[in-house]
Amino acid sequence: MTQADTLTILAKPIRGYYYMSIEPVLLKSKEAAIHISYSDDSLRRSRVTGRLGGMAAPKHVKIGRTVRYRVSDLSEWVKNLTQNK
């Protein structure tokens, strides 16, 4: 498990109070599509074909019938996509 797979809690004092924001670890298909700048339909199709953007599709996780994407996997996929161009 990488550092990006864990919840990140950022706390900073504002007027004496601490406000925390928690980054999501797993994204729904629509959120993942926005994250990588592809349409949700293309991302869904890539789960069947195994290809997206001319390379292997990003890894996904099945939890029962639901499909989720790890933010770390999406970031790694985008990094590889930009390196191959």
Protein backbone atom coordinates (compact mmCIF):
# COMPACT_ATOMS: atom_id res chain seq x y z
CA MET A 1 0.00 0.00 0.00
CA THR A 2 1.42 3.35 -0.98
CA GLN A 3 1.21 6.63 0.85
CA ALA A 4 -1.51 7.84 -1.55
CA ASP A 5 -3.70 4.85 -0.57
CA THR A 6 -3.98 6.10 3.01
CA LEU A 7 -6.19 8.92 4.17
CA THR A 8 -4.42 12.21 4.34
CA ILE A 9 -5.57 14.59 7.03
CA LEU A 10 -4.45 18.18 6.72
CA ALA A 11 -4.98 20.27 9.79
CA LYS A 12 -4.18 23.96 9.99
CA PRO A 13 -5.25 26.46 12.58
CA ILE A 14 -7.66 29.14 11.44
CA ARG A 15 -8.64 31.62 14.15
CA GLY A 16 -7.73 29.14 16.84
CA TYR A 17 -9.68 26.19 15.36
CA TYR A 18 -8.37 23.23 13.43
CA TYR A 19 -10.09 22.37 10.16
CA MET A 20 -9.37 19.03 8.54
CA SER A 21 -9.91 17.88 5.00
CA ILE A 22 -9.76 14.23 4.05
CA GLU A 23 -8.78 13.21 0.53
CA PRO A 24 -10.72 10.25 -0.90
CA VAL A 25 -8.71 7.08 -1.45
CA LEU A 26 -11.13 5.40 -3.85
CA LEU A 27 -13.04 7.17 -6.61
CA LYS A 28 -16.24 6.18 -8.38
CA SER A 29 -16.04 5.71 -12.14
CA LYS A 30 -17.38 9.20 -12.93
CA GLU A 31 -14.96 10.82 -10.47
CA ALA A 32 -12.06 8.81 -11.87
CA ALA A 33 -12.96 9.81 -15.42
CA ILE A 34 -12.87 13.47 -14.43
CA HIS A 35 -9.56 12.92 -12.63
CA ILE A 36 -7.88 11.56 -15.80
CA SER A 37 -9.79 13.79 -18.29
CA TYR A 38 -11.61 11.00 -20.12
CA SER A 39 -15.33 10.39 -20.48
CA ASP A 40 -17.04 7.98 -18.11
CA ASP A 41 -18.14 5.85 -21.09
CA SER A 42 -14.54 5.51 -22.31
CA LEU A 43 -13.38 4.51 -18.84
CA ARG A 44 -16.18 1.94 -18.50
CA ARG A 45 -15.36 0.50 -21.95
CA SER A 46 -11.70 0.26 -21.00
CA ARG A 47 -12.57 -2.18 -18.22
CA VAL A 48 -13.78 -4.60 -20.91
CA THR A 49 -11.17 -3.95 -23.60
CA GLY A 50 -8.23 -3.37 -21.27
CA ARG A 51 -7.07 -0.35 -23.32
CA LEU A 52 -7.46 3.39 -22.87
CA GLY A 53 -5.54 6.15 -24.61
CA GLY A 54 -3.50 3.67 -26.63
CA MET A 55 -2.12 1.87 -23.60
CA ALA A 56 -3.25 -0.46 -20.81
CA ALA A 57 -6.28 0.84 -18.92
CA PRO A 58 -5.90 2.05 -15.33
CA LYS A 59 -6.30 -0.61 -12.64
CA HIS A 60 -9.67 -0.82 -10.95
CA VAL A 61 -10.97 -2.46 -7.78
CA LYS A 62 -14.22 -4.41 -7.57
CA ILE A 63 -16.01 -4.32 -4.24
CA GLY A 64 -19.02 -6.56 -4.70
CA ARG A 65 -20.75 -5.13 -7.76
CA THR A 66 -19.22 -1.67 -7.45
CA VAL A 67 -16.09 -0.53 -9.26
CA ARG A 68 -13.65 1.93 -7.71
CA TYR A 69 -10.31 3.40 -8.73
CA ARG A 70 -7.42 4.15 -6.39
CA VAL A 71 -6.17 7.72 -6.71
CA SER A 72 -2.58 6.42 -6.64
CA ASP A 73 -3.28 4.04 -9.57
CA LEU A 74 -4.85 6.85 -11.61
CA SER A 75 -1.94 9.19 -10.91
CA GLU A 76 0.54 6.48 -11.92
CA TRP A 77 -1.44 5.80 -15.12
CA VAL A 78 -1.43 9.50 -16.08
CA LYS A 79 2.30 9.71 -15.34
CA ASN A 80 2.97 6.73 -17.64
CA LEU A 81 0.71 8.20 -20.33
CA THR A 82 2.64 11.47 -20.38
CA GLN A 83 6.02 9.68 -20.39
CA ASN A 84 5.07 7.55 -23.42
CA LYS A 85 4.18 10.55 -25.60
